[in-house]
N, C-alpha and C. Protein backbone atom coordinates (compact mmCIF):
# COMPACT_ATOMS: atom_id res chain seq x y z
N MET A 1 169.19 135.77 74.65
CA MET A 1 169.00 135.95 76.27
C MET A 1 167.57 136.90 76.32
N VAL A 2 167.02 136.96 76.78
CA VAL A 2 166.36 137.92 77.07
C VAL A 2 165.57 137.96 78.23
N TRP A 3 165.23 139.26 79.27
CA TRP A 3 164.82 138.87 80.75
C TRP A 3 164.41 140.62 81.19
N GLY A 4 163.64 139.92 82.03
CA GLY A 4 162.89 140.85 82.25
C GLY A 4 163.21 141.44 83.84
N VAL A 5 163.24 142.79 84.18
CA VAL A 5 163.25 143.35 85.45
C VAL A 5 162.63 144.29 85.74
N GLY A 6 161.67 144.27 86.88
CA GLY A 6 160.63 145.19 87.38
C GLY A 6 161.09 146.21 88.69
N THR A 7 160.90 147.40 88.89
CA THR A 7 160.95 147.81 90.67
C THR A 7 159.81 148.78 90.74
N LYS A 8 159.15 149.06 92.02
CA LYS A 8 157.73 149.82 92.07
C LYS A 8 158.46 150.90 93.66
N GLY A 9 157.88 151.11 93.59
CA GLY A 9 157.78 152.24 94.95
C GLY A 9 156.98 153.45 94.98
N TYR A 10 156.65 154.12 95.97
CA TYR A 10 155.76 155.08 95.87
C TYR A 10 155.63 156.29 94.88
N ASN A 11 154.61 156.29 94.17
CA ASN A 11 154.20 156.88 93.39
C ASN A 11 155.40 156.68 91.88
N ARG A 12 156.25 155.49 91.58
CA ARG A 12 156.82 154.53 90.41
C ARG A 12 157.03 153.17 90.64
N ALA A 13 156.95 153.10 88.68
CA ALA A 13 156.87 152.19 89.05
C ALA A 13 157.48 151.77 87.76
N GLU A 14 158.55 151.12 87.13
CA GLU A 14 159.26 150.65 86.08
C GLU A 14 159.64 149.06 85.70
N ALA A 15 159.53 149.06 84.38
CA ALA A 15 160.02 147.09 83.73
C ALA A 15 160.55 147.74 82.75
N LEU A 16 161.74 146.91 82.37
CA LEU A 16 162.37 147.06 81.79
C LEU A 16 163.01 145.70 81.16
N ILE A 17 163.67 145.32 79.89
CA ILE A 17 163.13 144.02 79.35
C ILE A 17 165.02 144.11 79.08
N ASN A 18 166.05 143.28 79.38
CA ASN A 18 167.19 143.44 78.68
C ASN A 18 167.54 142.35 77.55
N ILE A 19 168.23 142.34 77.03
CA ILE A 19 168.29 142.24 75.44
C ILE A 19 169.93 141.71 76.03
N LYS A 20 170.47 140.31 75.40
CA LYS A 20 171.85 140.04 75.12
C LYS A 20 172.12 138.79 74.45
N PRO A 21 173.03 139.39 73.56
CA PRO A 21 172.27 137.67 72.08
C PRO A 21 173.90 137.07 72.47
N ALA A 22 173.81 136.28 73.55
CA ALA A 22 174.64 135.38 74.23
C ALA A 22 173.68 133.86 74.49
N MET A 23 174.49 132.41 73.66
CA MET A 23 173.84 131.46 73.62
C MET A 23 174.00 130.67 74.77
N LYS A 24 173.12 130.21 75.13
CA LYS A 24 173.32 129.26 76.45
C LYS A 24 172.03 127.81 76.55
N LEU A 25 172.69 127.19 76.83
CA LEU A 25 171.78 126.24 76.72
C LEU A 25 171.09 125.76 78.30
N ALA A 26 170.15 125.88 78.02
CA ALA A 26 168.72 125.88 79.60
C ALA A 26 168.38 124.96 79.74
N GLY A 27 168.59 123.58 79.22
CA GLY A 27 168.29 122.15 79.89
C GLY A 27 168.05 121.09 79.06
N ALA A 28 168.52 119.69 79.43
CA ALA A 28 168.23 119.03 78.50
C ALA A 28 167.82 117.66 79.35
N MET A 29 167.29 116.48 79.11
CA MET A 29 166.87 115.23 79.43
C MET A 29 167.59 114.08 78.44
N GLY A 30 168.01 113.05 79.07
CA GLY A 30 168.71 111.87 77.88
C GLY A 30 168.34 110.60 78.54
N TRP A 31 168.13 109.63 77.79
CA TRP A 31 167.80 108.14 78.32
C TRP A 31 168.43 107.37 77.30
N THR A 32 169.08 106.53 77.95
CA THR A 32 169.69 105.18 77.25
C THR A 32 169.78 103.91 77.58
N ALA A 33 170.14 103.50 77.60
CA ALA A 33 169.54 101.96 77.67
C ALA A 33 170.60 100.45 76.99
N ASN A 34 170.95 99.55 77.65
CA ASN A 34 172.12 98.99 77.22
C ASN A 34 171.62 97.41 78.00
N ALA A 35 172.23 96.58 77.67
CA ALA A 35 172.20 95.55 78.12
C ALA A 35 172.38 95.32 80.15
N LYS A 36 172.77 96.12 81.06
CA LYS A 36 172.90 96.20 81.84
C LYS A 36 171.37 96.86 82.52
N GLY A 37 170.34 97.70 81.67
CA GLY A 37 169.66 98.12 82.17
C GLY A 37 169.91 99.66 81.49
N THR A 38 168.59 100.95 82.46
CA THR A 38 168.88 102.47 81.75
C THR A 38 169.62 102.94 82.05
N VAL A 39 170.03 104.51 81.76
CA VAL A 39 170.34 105.37 82.63
C VAL A 39 169.48 106.90 81.95
N ASN A 40 168.50 107.68 83.21
CA ASN A 40 168.22 108.21 83.06
C ASN A 40 168.80 109.62 83.38
N PHE A 41 168.96 111.01 82.74
CA PHE A 41 169.48 111.86 83.48
C PHE A 41 169.50 113.33 82.98
N GLN A 42 169.24 114.25 83.81
CA GLN A 42 168.61 115.88 83.35
C GLN A 42 169.94 116.60 83.47
N ILE A 43 169.84 117.05 82.69
CA ILE A 43 171.06 118.39 82.56
C ILE A 43 170.40 119.99 82.97
N LYS A 44 170.69 120.39 83.73
CA LYS A 44 170.54 121.63 84.40
C LYS A 44 170.92 122.60 83.62
N GLU A 45 170.61 123.92 83.54
CA GLU A 45 171.01 125.38 83.70
C GLU A 45 172.22 125.08 84.26
N ASP A 46 172.54 124.82 85.35
CA ASP A 46 173.92 125.11 86.17
C ASP A 46 174.64 124.28 86.24
N ASP A 47 174.37 123.09 85.26
CA ASP A 47 175.52 121.78 84.37
C ASP A 47 176.12 122.73 83.35
N ILE A 48 175.94 123.04 82.85
CA ILE A 48 175.96 123.94 81.45
C ILE A 48 176.40 125.19 81.56
N HIS A 49 177.63 125.69 81.06
CA HIS A 49 178.60 127.12 80.84
C HIS A 49 177.90 127.34 79.71
N LEU A 50 177.97 128.77 79.92
CA LEU A 50 177.56 130.06 78.96
C LEU A 50 178.20 129.01 77.18
N ILE A 51 177.80 128.79 76.06
CA ILE A 51 177.92 128.29 74.81
C ILE A 51 178.84 129.68 74.01
N SER A 52 178.09 130.73 74.06
CA SER A 52 178.82 131.82 73.32
C SER A 52 178.47 133.18 73.98
N GLU A 53 179.49 133.86 74.65
CA GLU A 53 179.27 135.32 74.59
C GLU A 53 178.36 136.13 74.16
N ASN A 54 178.85 136.01 72.52
CA ASN A 54 177.79 136.89 71.93
C ASN A 54 177.63 136.07 70.37
N ALA A 55 176.20 135.77 70.27
CA ALA A 55 175.96 134.90 69.06
C ALA A 55 175.46 135.81 67.27
N GLY A 56 174.92 137.03 68.32
CA GLY A 56 174.99 137.80 66.80
C GLY A 56 174.60 139.45 67.16
N SER A 57 174.52 139.90 67.09
CA SER A 57 174.01 141.00 67.21
C SER A 57 172.36 141.94 67.14
N VAL A 58 172.33 142.81 68.37
CA VAL A 58 170.70 143.10 68.64
C VAL A 58 171.21 144.92 68.02
N GLU A 59 169.80 145.32 67.32
CA GLU A 59 170.36 146.44 66.36
C GLU A 59 168.49 147.40 66.92
N LYS A 60 168.55 148.29 67.48
CA LYS A 60 167.18 149.00 67.93
C LYS A 60 166.77 149.51 66.18
N VAL A 61 165.49 149.03 65.70
CA VAL A 61 165.51 149.33 64.61
C VAL A 61 163.98 150.93 64.82
N ASP A 62 163.67 151.08 65.77
CA ASP A 62 162.41 151.82 66.21
C ASP A 62 161.96 151.98 67.74
N GLU A 63 161.74 153.40 67.91
CA GLU A 63 161.66 153.72 69.58
C GLU A 63 160.67 155.10 69.45
N GLU A 64 159.41 154.57 70.72
CA GLU A 64 158.34 155.69 70.68
C GLU A 64 158.30 155.99 71.88
N LYS A 65 158.47 157.28 71.92
CA LYS A 65 158.59 157.70 73.31
C LYS A 65 156.88 159.02 73.50
N THR A 66 156.72 158.93 74.60
CA THR A 66 155.65 159.46 75.18
C THR A 66 155.64 160.16 76.23
N ASN A 67 156.14 161.56 76.75
CA ASN A 67 156.03 161.96 78.02
C ASN A 67 154.39 162.84 78.36
N PHE A 68 153.90 162.28 79.38
CA PHE A 68 152.24 162.88 79.83
C PHE A 68 152.58 163.87 80.43
N THR A 69 153.96 163.85 81.50
CA THR A 69 154.15 165.30 82.09
C THR A 69 155.96 165.24 82.14
N SER A 70 156.17 166.06 83.06
CA SER A 70 157.32 165.94 83.40
C SER A 70 158.60 164.71 83.87
N SER A 71 157.61 164.50 84.32
CA SER A 71 158.23 163.26 85.41
C SER A 71 157.39 161.85 84.64
N TRP A 72 156.39 161.77 83.92
CA TRP A 72 155.90 160.73 83.51
C TRP A 72 155.20 160.25 82.44
N GLY A 73 156.12 159.02 81.62
CA GLY A 73 155.78 159.16 80.29
C GLY A 73 155.94 157.29 80.03
N ARG A 74 156.62 157.14 78.96
CA ARG A 74 156.82 155.09 78.97
C ARG A 74 157.59 155.52 77.40
N ARG A 75 158.25 154.47 77.12
CA ARG A 75 158.95 154.52 76.05
C ARG A 75 158.60 153.09 75.60
N SER A 76 158.68 152.41 74.04
CA SER A 76 158.57 151.27 73.98
C SER A 76 159.46 151.42 72.74
N ALA A 77 160.26 150.02 72.29
CA ALA A 77 161.32 150.43 70.64
C ALA A 77 161.07 148.53 70.63
N ASP A 78 161.41 148.76 69.12
CA ASP A 78 161.71 147.52 68.16
C ASP A 78 163.00 147.09 68.15
N TYR A 79 163.69 145.62 68.39
CA TYR A 79 164.68 145.76 68.03
C TYR A 79 165.19 144.25 66.60
N VAL A 80 165.88 144.38 66.10
CA VAL A 80 166.29 143.31 65.45
C VAL A 80 167.47 142.25 65.96
N PHE A 81 167.43 141.27 65.82
CA PHE A 81 168.81 140.14 66.26
C PHE A 81 168.81 139.29 65.15
N ALA A 82 169.94 139.96 65.02
CA ALA A 82 170.66 138.75 63.48
C ALA A 82 171.90 138.09 64.11
N LEU A 83 171.15 136.62 63.83
CA LEU A 83 172.32 135.43 64.63
C LEU A 83 173.77 135.86 63.47
N ASP A 84 174.83 135.16 63.98
CA ASP A 84 175.93 135.02 63.04
C ASP A 84 176.01 133.20 63.17
N PRO A 85 175.99 132.79 61.68
CA PRO A 85 176.10 131.65 61.67
C PRO A 85 177.27 130.49 62.50
N ALA A 86 178.46 131.02 61.59
CA ALA A 86 179.49 130.38 62.02
C ALA A 86 179.28 130.43 63.73
N VAL A 87 179.29 131.34 64.66
CA VAL A 87 178.95 131.50 66.16
C VAL A 87 178.16 130.69 66.70
N PHE A 88 176.78 130.65 65.73
CA PHE A 88 175.78 129.24 66.32
C PHE A 88 176.09 128.31 65.85
N SER A 89 177.01 127.93 64.95
CA SER A 89 177.09 126.49 64.48
C SER A 89 178.43 125.85 64.82
N ALA A 90 178.82 126.99 65.39
CA ALA A 90 180.33 126.21 66.30
C ALA A 90 179.78 126.22 67.49
N GLY A 91 178.96 126.79 68.16
CA GLY A 91 177.89 126.76 69.70
C GLY A 91 177.32 125.46 69.61
N VAL A 92 177.03 124.91 68.58
CA VAL A 92 175.74 124.03 68.28
C VAL A 92 176.51 122.73 68.95
N LEU A 93 177.73 122.92 68.11
CA LEU A 93 178.43 121.79 68.15
C LEU A 93 179.03 121.53 69.45
N ARG A 94 179.41 122.68 70.17
CA ARG A 94 179.55 122.57 71.44
C ARG A 94 179.07 122.30 72.71
N VAL A 95 177.75 122.35 71.90
CA VAL A 95 177.01 121.63 73.23
C VAL A 95 176.43 120.60 72.76
N ALA A 96 176.86 119.78 71.76
CA ALA A 96 176.31 118.50 71.08
C ALA A 96 177.67 117.84 72.23
N ASP A 97 179.09 118.41 71.84
CA ASP A 97 180.28 117.42 72.40
C ASP A 97 179.81 117.82 74.34
N GLN A 98 179.18 119.15 75.18
CA GLN A 98 179.34 118.77 75.85
C GLN A 98 177.81 117.40 76.62
N ILE A 99 177.02 117.76 75.95
CA ILE A 99 176.02 116.23 76.43
C ILE A 99 176.43 115.52 76.31
N ASN A 100 177.49 114.79 74.95
CA ASN A 100 177.93 113.13 75.10
C ASN A 100 178.63 113.61 75.89
N ALA A 101 179.68 114.46 76.22
CA ALA A 101 180.23 113.71 77.64
C ALA A 101 179.97 113.85 78.47
N TYR A 102 178.33 114.41 79.24
CA TYR A 102 177.53 114.11 80.23
C TYR A 102 176.91 113.01 80.22
N THR A 103 176.52 112.65 78.99
CA THR A 103 176.07 111.11 78.83
C THR A 103 177.24 109.67 78.87
N VAL A 104 178.12 110.32 78.49
CA VAL A 104 179.65 109.15 78.82
C VAL A 104 179.40 109.04 80.61
N VAL A 105 179.41 110.31 80.79
CA VAL A 105 179.66 110.16 82.21
C VAL A 105 178.81 109.76 83.50
N GLN A 106 177.76 110.06 82.52
CA GLN A 106 176.37 109.35 83.76
C GLN A 106 176.36 107.60 83.45
N ILE A 107 176.32 107.28 82.50
CA ILE A 107 176.54 106.18 82.29
C ILE A 107 177.73 105.33 82.75
N GLN A 108 178.80 105.67 82.85
CA GLN A 108 179.91 105.20 83.65
C GLN A 108 179.91 105.11 85.11
N LYS A 109 178.84 105.96 85.85
CA LYS A 109 178.38 106.17 86.85
C LYS A 109 177.49 105.38 87.47
N ALA A 110 176.85 104.62 86.06
CA ALA A 110 175.45 103.43 86.38
C ALA A 110 176.14 102.39 86.42
N GLN A 111 177.79 102.30 85.74
CA GLN A 111 178.03 100.92 85.75
C GLN A 111 178.50 100.43 87.10
N LYS A 112 179.05 101.02 87.62
CA LYS A 112 179.93 101.07 88.57
C LYS A 112 179.24 100.08 89.52
């Protein structure tokens, strides 16, 4: 996951990028049909929990700092994300299981 954070004030502005090698399902939609009709559903981000706290590693490979004055400067960096194949595969299977379970619940609700 990558997300940005910014703050500003009098004579100050900051922008940060946060990196967390977690695995999370952001959302999904599904449709199913049978003799009784169709069922449409949407899985929102809040309906699915975090899949994996750590799906790999993040390593800083380069950083550049420029100081224009003692209190004003800028910094940039490059990072490499290395995916852990075993954790990723297990996470994909957990997501499929959660989507299947959610689908069954929605179909059961529609049949009542």
